[in-house]
Amino acid sequence: MDDALLRARDLCLKQAKAFIEAADRLNQTGEFAHIVYHLGLLALEEVGKAVLISTKPLKHPNLDGTWIDRSMANHRRKILWAVWSPMTRIDPADFEAARAFAERAHSLRLSSLYVDADAGLNDPPPNEQVQQQDADQILELARSRLDYEIKHETSSYEVDELVEWFLDTMSDPARSLILLSSPFRAQFETLKGDARAWVTWARDEIARTDQEAKQLLEAELARPSIPFSLAKPRWRANATVYTPSHSLRARVLAKWNERIEPVQFLWAGKKDECILQITLSDNEPLGALFGRLVSLGKLAVACINIGSIGYFWFQRPGFEQKMFKEVRDLEHGRLVDFGSPESFWGNGRVVALTDEHIDHSIQCMMAFAPLSETDAEPIFAPYFNGLAMIAKSDTFYRFDELARTAFVSSLAGALRHYGGWSGKGEDFEECLHRCFAPFIPEQAHRDKVFLSLRTRADPTDTALGNLRTAKQLADLYLIHTARRTWKTILDHGHREE
């Protein structure tokens, strides 16, 4: 190592020592544990930087030094090298433990160093994020690592092309999962912990699978389009769909599956969840495959939401969660039950999914699937936003008002496309009464439920109640529209025959 690098390494270690001494003095006061923790991490980073500097003189045809320079600018990687560098073998488990430590340590540093401008009323201040034991542990680790590096004036750690490949691969979240998978860990044991043999094997194995994937992709992209009449099933995707509003039955779901072959709702043996399975043919181009799966899946879920006037989504709704696991009366030594959290239906009821619900859902699928993206966007984009916000709304933070506004926007988009609404605010209520009169004949009833669609909603109802009514009104109008549109499509088909 030349004099300049030796001096740089020495300066890093002296800086680490200064940070540790400053932390020791501050620690004597018994206060400011978060600052002691911060100083300890700064010392660890300087130790990690000293180790990285020691690798700079290493000569290797595949090592250009840029990886080391990038590492010196990365806080987590410097902490990682301070912790992991004394290891004598490249064990994926050892490295993963060191990387996880670096991630946690740096994350705690950020939360304890800076004030969050968006912090809530109950969030603790930065100085309370770190406990004294956290500060003591980091400080002792920095001290021991500094002592080790001072005793070893020249580094024995080599960063050649294998080590560089291993570090880069482990820093990639997707590829690190491959290295930590059971087959790769088993091969590490088969090779009896021979680090270089294992990394060589892992690099070759990943390169081989990458090449196979590349060849398959190139072949798929070059494949000529297949006529619709010759297409056969090729792609299949599954997703779980949950419902707090309906009790599912295999027989009822089968009615949908008999009519809508590419998109199935499969019975999962549970009353509140099912499997959405989409099968696409080999005439679907690979480049458009994911978008096609997403659009079909969302449309199917939207249709069953509309047809059932309930709630179905890809995750369980947050409004069913409780903030506290238990509330205890200390005087009498018993648990206090405040009742169940508010449900989507308001009274906690769950209704059975019926054939009629499925009929409505199928009519919606048939009526709305042919819509162009331009026509569908004003109706279904806000509808999906409303469904997603219901899932995110919970005891800790409520999105009821945002979700309600989304369903009002969806209804407005449908009225503009199907109901002849001009788009002007002053004409909206008149259009509502005209379009809803066929299935809500009493004006007094319409006046009451339409309150949930106004800017301030119905002041006599809860936020979730207004959201529920807004969604139900959107669903009712879309069901009515789908039934009317589907009859027109059927009549047109009969006339062509």
Protein backbone atom coordinates (compact mmCIF):
# COMPACT_ATOMS: atom_id res chain seq x y z
CA MET A 1 0.00 0.00 0.00
CA ASP A 2 1.48 3.40 -0.95
CA ASP A 3 2.00 6.24 1.53
CA ALA A 4 -1.11 8.17 0.46
CA LEU A 5 -3.42 5.20 1.06
CA LEU A 6 -1.69 4.37 4.34
CA ARG A 7 -2.24 7.94 5.50
CA ALA A 8 -5.90 7.86 4.39
CA ARG A 9 -6.45 4.60 6.25
CA ASP A 10 -4.72 5.98 9.35
CA LEU A 11 -6.83 9.16 9.23
CA CYS A 12 -10.02 7.06 9.06
CA LEU A 13 -9.02 5.08 12.14
CA LYS A 14 -8.02 8.24 14.03
CA GLN A 15 -11.35 9.80 13.12
CA ALA A 16 -13.14 6.70 14.38
CA LYS A 17 -11.18 6.92 17.62
CA ALA A 18 -12.16 10.60 18.03
CA PHE A 19 -15.83 9.77 17.52
CA ILE A 20 -15.60 7.01 20.16
CA GLU A 21 -13.84 9.30 22.66
CA ALA A 22 -16.46 12.01 22.13
CA ALA A 23 -19.23 9.44 22.59
CA ASP A 24 -17.59 8.17 25.83
CA ARG A 25 -17.50 11.68 27.29
CA LEU A 26 -21.10 12.35 26.34
CA ASN A 27 -22.15 8.94 27.67
CA GLN A 28 -20.89 9.88 31.13
CA THR A 29 -23.72 12.40 31.44
CA GLY A 30 -26.33 9.64 31.07
CA GLU A 31 -28.17 11.75 28.51
CA PHE A 32 -28.32 12.06 24.71
CA ALA A 33 -28.26 8.31 23.97
CA HIS A 34 -29.34 9.06 20.39
CA ILE A 35 -26.27 11.26 19.82
CA VAL A 36 -23.98 8.62 21.38
CA TYR A 37 -25.55 6.10 18.99
CA HIS A 38 -24.95 8.44 16.06
CA LEU A 39 -21.28 8.94 17.01
CA GLY A 40 -20.83 5.17 17.35
CA LEU A 41 -22.20 4.62 13.84
CA LEU A 42 -19.93 7.34 12.45
CA ALA A 43 -16.99 5.52 14.04
CA LEU A 44 -18.12 2.24 12.46
CA GLU A 45 -18.37 3.92 9.06
CA GLU A 46 -14.81 5.21 9.37
CA VAL A 47 -13.61 1.70 10.25
CA GLY A 48 -15.46 0.30 7.25
CA LYS A 49 -13.92 2.98 5.06
CA ALA A 50 -10.44 2.06 6.35
CA VAL A 51 -11.05 -1.56 5.35
CA LEU A 52 -12.20 -0.50 1.88
CA ILE A 53 -9.13 1.71 1.46
CA SER A 54 -6.97 -1.33 2.25
CA THR A 55 -8.41 -3.13 -0.76
CA LYS A 56 -7.54 -0.38 -3.25
CA PRO A 57 -3.98 -1.58 -4.05
CA LEU A 58 -5.25 -5.06 -5.00
CA LYS A 59 -4.64 -5.73 -8.69
CA HIS A 60 -7.07 -7.80 -10.64
CA PRO A 61 -7.97 -7.68 -14.33
CA ASN A 62 -11.71 -7.53 -13.57
CA LEU A 63 -11.51 -4.95 -10.77
CA ASP A 64 -11.54 -1.31 -11.88
CA GLY A 65 -11.91 0.28 -8.45
CA THR A 66 -15.26 1.90 -9.13
CA TRP A 67 -17.06 -0.57 -6.86
CA ILE A 68 -14.88 0.53 -3.92
CA ASP A 69 -15.50 4.21 -4.69
CA ARG A 70 -19.26 3.57 -4.80
CA SER A 71 -19.10 1.71 -1.50
CA MET A 72 -17.34 4.62 0.21
CA ALA A 73 -20.28 6.86 -0.66
CA ASN A 74 -22.84 4.40 0.73
CA HIS A 75 -23.56 4.65 4.49
CA ARG A 76 -25.03 1.16 4.79
CA ARG A 77 -22.21 -0.50 2.86
CA LYS A 78 -19.53 1.14 5.03
CA ILE A 79 -21.31 -0.12 8.17
CA LEU A 80 -21.62 -3.55 6.57
CA TRP A 81 -17.89 -3.72 5.80
CA ALA A 82 -17.03 -2.64 9.33
CA VAL A 83 -19.08 -5.57 10.67
CA TRP A 84 -18.57 -8.24 8.03
CA SER A 85 -15.01 -7.75 6.81
CA PRO A 86 -13.29 -9.87 9.53
CA MET A 87 -15.16 -12.95 8.32
CA THR A 88 -12.87 -15.60 6.90
CA ARG A 89 -15.44 -17.06 4.51
CA ILE A 90 -18.20 -15.76 2.29
CA ASP A 91 -21.12 -17.39 4.02
CA PRO A 92 -24.44 -16.09 2.62
CA ALA A 93 -26.05 -16.33 6.05
CA ASP A 94 -23.21 -14.36 7.69
CA PHE A 95 -23.34 -11.70 5.02
CA GLU A 96 -27.13 -11.44 5.20
CA ALA A 97 -26.97 -11.02 8.98
CA ALA A 98 -24.39 -8.23 8.59
CA ARG A 99 -26.42 -6.54 5.87
CA ALA A 100 -29.60 -6.71 7.95
CA PHE A 101 -27.69 -5.19 10.88
CA ALA A 102 -26.45 -2.34 8.66
CA GLU A 103 -29.97 -1.66 7.40
CA ARG A 104 -31.46 -1.60 10.90
CA ALA A 105 -28.66 0.52 12.33
CA HIS A 106 -28.85 3.14 9.57
CA SER A 107 -32.66 3.23 9.75
CA LEU A 108 -32.59 3.82 13.52
CA ARG A 109 -29.98 6.51 12.98
CA LEU A 110 -32.24 8.40 10.56
CA SER A 111 -35.30 8.14 12.81
CA SER A 112 -33.30 9.35 15.84
CA LEU A 113 -31.34 12.10 14.11
CA TYR A 114 -33.92 14.07 12.14
CA VAL A 115 -37.35 15.43 13.02
CA ASP A 116 -40.14 14.11 10.77
CA ALA A 117 -42.10 17.13 9.55
CA ASP A 118 -45.15 14.87 9.05
CA ALA A 119 -44.98 13.25 12.50
CA GLY A 120 -48.29 12.57 14.20
CA LEU A 121 -49.38 13.86 17.60
CA ASN A 122 -48.44 10.59 19.30
CA ASP A 123 -45.12 9.95 17.52
CA PRO A 124 -42.13 10.05 19.91
CA PRO A 125 -39.46 12.74 19.36
CA PRO A 126 -36.12 11.68 17.80
CA ASN A 127 -34.25 11.64 21.12
CA GLU A 128 -36.62 8.92 22.40
CA GLN A 129 -36.11 6.58 19.45
CA VAL A 130 -32.81 5.17 20.82
CA GLN A 131 -32.46 3.39 24.16
CA GLN A 132 -29.28 3.58 26.21
CA GLN A 133 -28.54 -0.10 25.57
CA ASP A 134 -28.67 0.55 21.80
CA ALA A 135 -26.08 3.30 22.15
CA ASP A 136 -23.84 1.15 24.40
CA GLN A 137 -23.93 -1.81 22.00
CA ILE A 138 -23.01 0.26 18.94
CA LEU A 139 -20.23 2.00 20.86
CA GLU A 140 -18.71 -1.27 22.07
CA LEU A 141 -18.90 -2.74 18.56
CA ALA A 142 -17.14 0.31 17.11
CA ARG A 143 -14.46 0.10 19.82
CA SER A 144 -13.75 -3.59 19.21
CA ARG A 145 -13.63 -3.16 15.44
CA LEU A 146 -11.29 -0.18 15.77
CA ASP A 147 -8.94 -2.16 18.05
CA TYR A 148 -8.92 -5.02 15.52
CA GLU A 149 -8.01 -2.77 12.58
CA ILE A 150 -5.29 -0.95 14.53
CA LYS A 151 -3.64 -4.28 15.33
CA HIS A 152 -3.77 -5.34 11.67
CA GLU A 153 -1.82 -2.65 9.87
CA THR A 154 -2.23 -4.30 6.48
CA SER A 155 -5.46 -5.83 5.35
CA SER A 156 -5.75 -9.46 4.33
CA TYR A 157 -9.17 -9.02 2.75
CA GLU A 158 -9.24 -9.48 -0.99
CA VAL A 159 -11.83 -7.95 -3.28
CA ASP A 160 -11.40 -9.77 -6.55
CA GLU A 161 -14.01 -10.38 -9.22
CA LEU A 162 -15.73 -13.14 -7.20
CA VAL A 163 -16.09 -11.05 -4.04
CA GLU A 164 -17.22 -8.04 -6.07
CA TRP A 165 -19.83 -10.18 -7.86
CA PHE A 166 -21.05 -11.59 -4.54
CA LEU A 167 -21.39 -8.14 -2.96
CA ASP A 168 -23.17 -6.65 -5.97
CA THR A 169 -25.54 -9.62 -6.17
CA MET A 170 -26.37 -9.49 -2.47
CA SER A 171 -27.12 -5.77 -2.76
CA ASP A 172 -29.80 -6.56 -5.35
CA PRO A 173 -33.00 -7.52 -3.42
CA ALA A 174 -34.29 -9.90 -6.11
CA ARG A 175 -30.98 -11.67 -6.74
CA SER A 176 -30.10 -11.88 -3.06
CA LEU A 177 -33.23 -14.00 -2.60
CA ILE A 178 -31.79 -16.44 -5.14
CA LEU A 179 -28.45 -16.65 -3.29
CA LEU A 180 -30.28 -17.21 -0.01
CA SER A 181 -32.69 -19.80 -1.44
CA SER A 182 -32.65 -23.40 -0.25
CA PRO A 183 -30.91 -24.90 -3.34
CA PHE A 184 -28.07 -22.35 -3.16
CA ARG A 185 -27.66 -22.74 0.60
CA ALA A 186 -27.63 -26.53 0.16
CA GLN A 187 -24.86 -26.24 -2.44
CA PHE A 188 -22.86 -24.13 0.02
CA GLU A 189 -23.06 -27.00 2.52
CA THR A 190 -22.30 -29.58 -0.20
CA LEU A 191 -19.08 -27.68 -0.96
CA LYS A 192 -18.31 -27.73 2.80
CA GLY A 193 -18.16 -23.97 3.13
CA ASP A 194 -15.58 -23.48 0.36
CA ALA A 195 -16.47 -19.83 -0.28
CA ARG A 196 -14.69 -19.39 -3.61
CA ALA A 197 -15.98 -22.66 -5.04
CA TRP A 198 -19.52 -21.78 -3.96
CA VAL A 199 -19.45 -18.23 -5.36
CA THR A 200 -18.02 -19.56 -8.64
CA TRP A 201 -20.82 -22.12 -8.85
CA ALA A 202 -23.49 -19.56 -7.90
CA ARG A 203 -22.24 -17.05 -10.47
CA ASP A 204 -22.24 -19.69 -13.22
CA GLU A 205 -25.67 -21.00 -12.19
CA ILE A 206 -27.28 -17.56 -12.20
CA ALA A 207 -25.60 -16.70 -15.51
CA ARG A 208 -26.97 -19.94 -16.99
CA THR A 209 -30.54 -19.24 -15.85
CA ASP A 210 -30.23 -15.63 -17.06
CA GLN A 211 -29.17 -16.86 -20.48
CA GLU A 212 -32.04 -19.35 -20.63
CA ALA A 213 -34.51 -16.62 -19.67
CA LYS A 214 -33.05 -14.31 -22.31
CA GLN A 215 -33.34 -16.97 -25.00
CA LEU A 216 -36.93 -17.74 -24.02
CA LEU A 217 -37.80 -14.04 -24.10
CA GLU A 218 -36.18 -13.55 -27.51
CA ALA A 219 -37.98 -16.60 -28.88
CA GLU A 220 -41.29 -15.41 -27.44
CA LEU A 221 -40.90 -11.91 -28.89
CA ALA A 222 -39.97 -13.34 -32.29
CA ARG A 223 -42.89 -15.78 -32.31
CA PRO A 224 -45.36 -14.94 -35.09
CA SER A 225 -48.88 -14.00 -34.07
CA ILE A 226 -51.31 -16.89 -33.85
CA PRO A 227 -54.75 -16.65 -35.45
CA PHE A 228 -57.57 -16.47 -32.91
CA SER A 229 -59.12 -19.68 -34.23
CA LEU A 230 -55.89 -21.63 -33.56
CA ALA A 231 -55.11 -20.12 -30.14
CA LYS A 232 -54.86 -22.36 -27.10
CA PRO A 233 -54.47 -21.60 -23.36
CA ARG A 234 -50.91 -20.55 -22.51
CA TRP A 235 -50.77 -18.10 -19.60
CA ARG A 236 -52.40 -18.46 -16.17
CA ALA A 237 -52.35 -16.09 -13.19
CA ASN A 238 -53.93 -16.42 -9.73
CA ALA A 239 -54.79 -13.76 -7.13
CA THR A 240 -56.69 -13.95 -3.85
CA VAL A 241 -59.84 -11.83 -3.51
CA TYR A 242 -61.37 -11.10 -0.09
CA THR A 243 -64.88 -9.97 0.87
CA PRO A 244 -66.19 -8.82 4.27
CA SER A 245 -69.65 -8.18 2.84
CA HIS A 246 -70.72 -11.56 1.43
CA SER A 247 -70.63 -15.22 2.29
CA LEU A 248 -69.36 -17.16 -0.72
CA ARG A 249 -70.69 -20.47 -2.00
CA ALA A 250 -69.06 -22.77 -4.53
CA ARG A 251 -72.31 -23.33 -6.43
CA VAL A 252 -72.93 -19.60 -6.90
CA LEU A 253 -69.36 -18.91 -8.01
CA ALA A 254 -69.69 -21.76 -10.51
CA LYS A 255 -72.45 -19.84 -12.27
CA TRP A 256 -69.98 -17.08 -13.14
CA ASN A 257 -67.33 -19.61 -14.16
CA GLU A 258 -69.71 -21.32 -16.60
CA ARG A 259 -70.28 -18.03 -18.45
CA ILE A 260 -66.91 -16.21 -18.20
CA GLU A 261 -64.38 -18.87 -19.14
CA PRO A 262 -61.11 -16.84 -19.23
CA VAL A 263 -61.74 -15.22 -15.81
CA GLN A 264 -62.77 -17.56 -12.99
CA PHE A 265 -63.70 -17.04 -9.35
CA LEU A 266 -62.62 -20.34 -7.77
CA TRP A 267 -63.95 -21.64 -4.48
CA ALA A 268 -61.12 -21.63 -1.91
CA GLY A 269 -62.98 -23.43 0.86
CA LYS A 270 -63.51 -20.19 2.79
CA LYS A 271 -66.65 -18.09 2.94
CA ASP A 272 -64.84 -14.75 2.79
CA GLU A 273 -62.22 -15.33 0.10
CA CYS A 274 -61.83 -16.90 -3.33
CA ILE A 275 -59.18 -17.25 -6.03
CA LEU A 276 -59.35 -15.05 -9.10
CA GLN A 277 -57.82 -17.10 -11.92
CA ILE A 278 -57.19 -15.64 -15.38
CA THR A 279 -56.21 -17.81 -18.35
CA LEU A 280 -55.00 -16.19 -21.56
CA SER A 281 -54.28 -17.79 -24.90
CA ASP A 282 -50.97 -18.04 -26.72
CA ASN A 283 -52.05 -15.36 -29.18
CA GLU A 284 -51.54 -12.76 -26.44
CA PRO A 285 -48.21 -10.95 -27.13
CA LEU A 286 -45.75 -11.19 -24.26
CA GLY A 287 -45.21 -7.44 -24.13
CA ALA A 288 -48.90 -6.80 -23.45
CA LEU A 289 -49.45 -9.83 -21.20
CA PHE A 290 -49.13 -8.16 -17.79
CA GLY A 291 -51.31 -5.21 -18.73
CA ARG A 292 -53.96 -7.57 -20.08
CA LEU A 293 -53.92 -9.63 -16.86
CA VAL A 294 -54.24 -6.52 -14.69
CA SER A 295 -57.06 -4.97 -16.72
CA LEU A 296 -59.08 -8.22 -16.86
CA GLY A 297 -58.56 -8.90 -13.16
CA LYS A 298 -59.59 -5.41 -12.09
CA LEU A 299 -62.62 -5.42 -14.39
CA ALA A 300 -63.82 -8.78 -13.02
CA VAL A 301 -63.42 -7.60 -9.43
CA ALA A 302 -65.21 -4.34 -10.25
CA CYS A 303 -68.09 -6.26 -11.82
CA ILE A 304 -68.59 -8.53 -8.82
CA ASN A 305 -68.44 -5.45 -6.57
CA ILE A 306 -71.11 -3.76 -8.64
CA GLY A 307 -73.28 -6.84 -9.14
CA SER A 308 -73.34 -7.70 -5.44
CA ILE A 309 -73.41 -4.05 -4.25
CA GLY A 310 -70.79 -5.25 -1.77
CA TYR A 311 -67.06 -5.14 -1.28
CA PHE A 312 -64.48 -7.43 -2.93
CA TRP A 313 -60.79 -6.56 -3.16
CA PHE A 314 -57.28 -8.02 -3.32
CA GLN A 315 -56.61 -7.46 0.38
CA ARG A 316 -58.64 -7.47 3.55
CA PRO A 317 -60.20 -4.09 4.40
CA GLY A 318 -58.52 -2.04 7.08
CA PHE A 319 -61.75 -0.85 8.72
CA GLU A 320 -62.18 -4.27 10.35
CA GLN A 321 -59.00 -3.86 12.40
CA LYS A 322 -58.95 -2.89 16.05
CA MET A 323 -56.42 -0.37 17.35
CA PHE A 324 -56.02 -2.09 20.73
CA LYS A 325 -55.70 -5.82 21.23
CA GLU A 326 -57.40 -5.47 24.59
CA VAL A 327 -58.75 -2.87 27.00
CA ARG A 328 -58.60 -3.94 30.66
CA ASP A 329 -60.48 -2.61 33.68
CA LEU A 330 -57.71 -2.59 36.31
CA GLU A 331 -60.08 -1.98 39.22
CA HIS A 332 -62.19 -5.06 38.53
CA GLY A 333 -59.53 -7.12 36.73
CA ARG A 334 -61.53 -7.82 33.60
CA LEU A 335 -61.49 -7.07 29.91
CA VAL A 336 -63.82 -4.39 28.55
CA ASP A 337 -65.56 -5.07 25.25
CA PHE A 338 -66.44 -1.95 23.27
CA GLY A 339 -68.03 -4.02 20.54
CA SER A 340 -66.87 -4.81 17.04
CA PRO A 341 -65.41 -2.08 14.84
CA GLU A 342 -67.75 -0.51 12.31
CA SER A 343 -68.29 -2.80 9.35
CA PHE A 344 -68.83 -1.90 5.73
CA TRP A 345 -72.55 -2.67 6.06
CA GLY A 346 -73.00 -0.61 9.20
CA ASN A 347 -74.71 -3.37 11.17
CA GLY A 348 -72.07 -6.05 10.77
CA ARG A 349 -74.22 -8.26 8.62
CA VAL A 350 -72.78 -10.56 5.99
CA VAL A 351 -75.17 -11.64 3.23
CA ALA A 352 -74.95 -14.67 1.02
CA LEU A 353 -73.72 -14.16 -2.53
CA THR A 354 -76.69 -15.16 -4.70
CA ASP A 355 -77.40 -16.16 -8.27
CA GLU A 356 -78.94 -12.73 -8.82
CA HIS A 357 -75.68 -11.06 -7.74
CA ILE A 358 -73.78 -13.21 -10.22
CA ASP A 359 -76.27 -12.44 -13.00
CA HIS A 360 -75.76 -8.73 -12.42
CA SER A 361 -71.98 -9.21 -12.34
CA ILE A 362 -72.00 -11.13 -15.63
CA GLN A 363 -74.16 -8.45 -17.26
CA CYS A 364 -71.66 -5.83 -16.10
CA MET A 365 -68.76 -7.85 -17.52
CA MET A 366 -70.51 -8.21 -20.88
CA ALA A 367 -71.61 -4.57 -21.01
CA PHE A 368 -68.44 -2.84 -19.83
CA ALA A 369 -65.67 -5.07 -21.24
CA PRO A 370 -66.13 -3.66 -24.78
CA LEU A 371 -65.60 -0.07 -23.58
CA SER A 372 -62.57 1.66 -24.98
CA GLU A 373 -59.91 2.79 -22.52
CA THR A 374 -60.94 6.41 -23.09
CA ASP A 375 -64.59 5.69 -22.27
CA ALA A 376 -63.84 3.37 -19.33
CA GLU A 377 -61.31 5.63 -17.60
CA PRO A 378 -63.73 8.25 -16.12
CA ILE A 379 -65.95 5.49 -14.70
CA PHE A 380 -63.59 2.77 -13.51
CA ALA A 381 -60.40 4.63 -12.56
CA PRO A 382 -62.15 6.42 -9.65
CA TYR A 383 -64.10 3.24 -8.84
CA PHE A 384 -60.83 1.31 -8.38
CA ASN A 385 -59.42 4.19 -6.33
CA GLY A 386 -62.44 3.98 -4.03
CA LEU A 387 -62.02 0.22 -3.55
CA ALA A 388 -58.30 0.58 -2.82
CA MET A 389 -58.85 3.40 -0.31
CA ILE A 390 -61.44 1.34 1.55
CA ALA A 391 -58.79 -1.36 1.97
CA LYS A 392 -56.28 1.18 3.30
CA SER A 393 -58.69 2.97 5.63
CA ASP A 394 -58.33 1.64 9.16
CA THR A 395 -58.56 2.59 12.81
CA PHE A 396 -55.28 4.44 12.62
CA TYR A 397 -56.08 6.60 9.60
CA ARG A 398 -59.39 6.92 7.78
CA PHE A 399 -59.76 7.38 4.02
CA ASP A 400 -63.58 7.24 4.10
CA GLU A 401 -64.06 10.73 2.70
CA LEU A 402 -61.54 10.21 -0.12
CA ALA A 403 -63.14 6.88 -1.00
CA ARG A 404 -66.62 8.43 -1.00
CA THR A 405 -65.45 11.21 -3.35
CA ALA A 406 -63.98 8.55 -5.65
CA PHE A 407 -67.31 6.72 -5.96
CA VAL A 408 -69.13 10.02 -6.58
CA SER A 409 -66.65 10.67 -9.42
CA SER A 410 -67.28 7.17 -10.79
CA LEU A 411 -71.03 7.75 -10.76
CA ALA A 412 -70.56 11.14 -12.43
CA GLY A 413 -68.45 9.51 -15.17
CA ALA A 414 -71.14 6.89 -15.77
CA LEU A 415 -73.89 9.52 -15.88
CA ARG A 416 -71.95 11.54 -18.41
CA HIS A 417 -71.33 8.49 -20.64
CA TYR A 418 -74.71 6.75 -20.30
CA GLY A 419 -77.13 9.19 -18.66
CA GLY A 420 -76.83 12.27 -20.81
CA TRP A 421 -75.34 14.49 -18.10
CA SER A 422 -73.86 17.67 -19.60
CA GLY A 423 -70.94 17.76 -17.18
CA LYS A 424 -72.17 21.03 -15.65
CA GLY A 425 -72.61 21.09 -11.87
CA GLU A 426 -75.96 22.84 -11.99
CA ASP A 427 -77.40 19.99 -14.11
CA PHE A 428 -76.09 17.14 -11.97
CA GLU A 429 -78.96 16.76 -9.49
CA GLU A 430 -81.63 16.94 -12.20
CA CYS A 431 -79.79 14.18 -14.10
CA LEU A 432 -79.56 12.10 -10.91
CA HIS A 433 -83.32 12.20 -10.35
CA ARG A 434 -84.07 11.40 -13.98
CA CYS A 435 -81.66 8.44 -14.15
CA PHE A 436 -82.53 6.94 -10.75
CA ALA A 437 -86.32 7.37 -10.99
CA PRO A 438 -86.83 4.00 -12.79
CA PHE A 439 -85.50 2.00 -9.81
CA ILE A 440 -85.89 4.51 -6.91
CA PRO A 441 -89.38 5.84 -7.71
CA GLU A 442 -90.03 7.86 -4.52
CA GLN A 443 -88.50 11.35 -4.71
CA ALA A 444 -88.28 11.67 -0.93
CA HIS A 445 -86.16 8.53 -0.85
CA ARG A 446 -83.97 9.86 -3.65
CA ASP A 447 -83.56 13.21 -1.88
CA LYS A 448 -82.36 11.40 1.24
CA VAL A 449 -79.79 9.08 -0.36
CA PHE A 450 -78.48 11.79 -2.72
CA LEU A 451 -77.25 13.72 0.34
CA SER A 452 -74.27 11.34 0.45
CA LEU A 453 -73.19 12.60 -2.97
CA ARG A 454 -72.93 16.24 -1.95
CA THR A 455 -69.65 17.96 -1.08
CA ARG A 456 -70.29 17.81 2.68
CA ALA A 457 -72.31 14.57 2.47
CA ASP A 458 -75.18 13.70 4.79
CA PRO A 459 -74.49 15.33 8.20
CA THR A 460 -76.82 12.86 9.94
CA ASP A 461 -74.78 9.83 8.86
CA THR A 462 -71.24 8.65 9.66
CA ALA A 463 -68.33 9.03 7.24
CA LEU A 464 -68.39 5.28 6.54
CA GLY A 465 -72.17 5.39 6.14
CA ASN A 466 -71.92 8.14 3.52
CA LEU A 467 -69.17 6.19 1.76
CA ARG A 468 -71.33 3.06 1.77
CA THR A 469 -74.31 4.93 0.28
CA ALA A 470 -72.18 6.59 -2.41
CA LYS A 471 -70.80 3.23 -3.51
CA GLN A 472 -74.23 1.62 -3.49
CA LEU A 473 -75.64 4.41 -5.65
CA ALA A 474 -72.81 3.99 -8.14
CA ASP A 475 -73.37 0.22 -8.13
CA LEU A 476 -77.13 0.53 -8.62
CA TYR A 477 -76.77 2.84 -11.58
CA LEU A 478 -74.08 0.65 -13.19
CA ILE A 479 -76.25 -2.47 -12.71
CA HIS A 480 -79.22 -0.68 -14.30
CA THR A 481 -76.98 0.53 -17.15
CA ALA A 482 -75.41 -2.90 -17.68
CA ARG A 483 -78.81 -4.59 -17.84
CA ARG A 484 -80.05 -2.05 -20.40
CA THR A 485 -76.80 -2.11 -22.40
CA TRP A 486 -76.60 -5.91 -22.37
CA LYS A 487 -80.17 -6.18 -23.71
CA THR A 488 -79.21 -3.83 -26.55
CA ILE A 489 -76.17 -5.99 -27.35
CA LEU A 490 -78.34 -9.14 -27.33
CA ASP A 491 -81.01 -7.56 -29.52
CA HIS A 492 -78.36 -6.38 -31.97
CA GLY A 493 -76.88 -9.88 -32.10
CA HIS A 494 -80.29 -11.45 -32.79
CA ARG A 495 -80.98 -8.98 -35.59
CA GLU A 496 -77.64 -9.83 -37.23
CA GLU A 497 -78.51 -13.53 -37.10
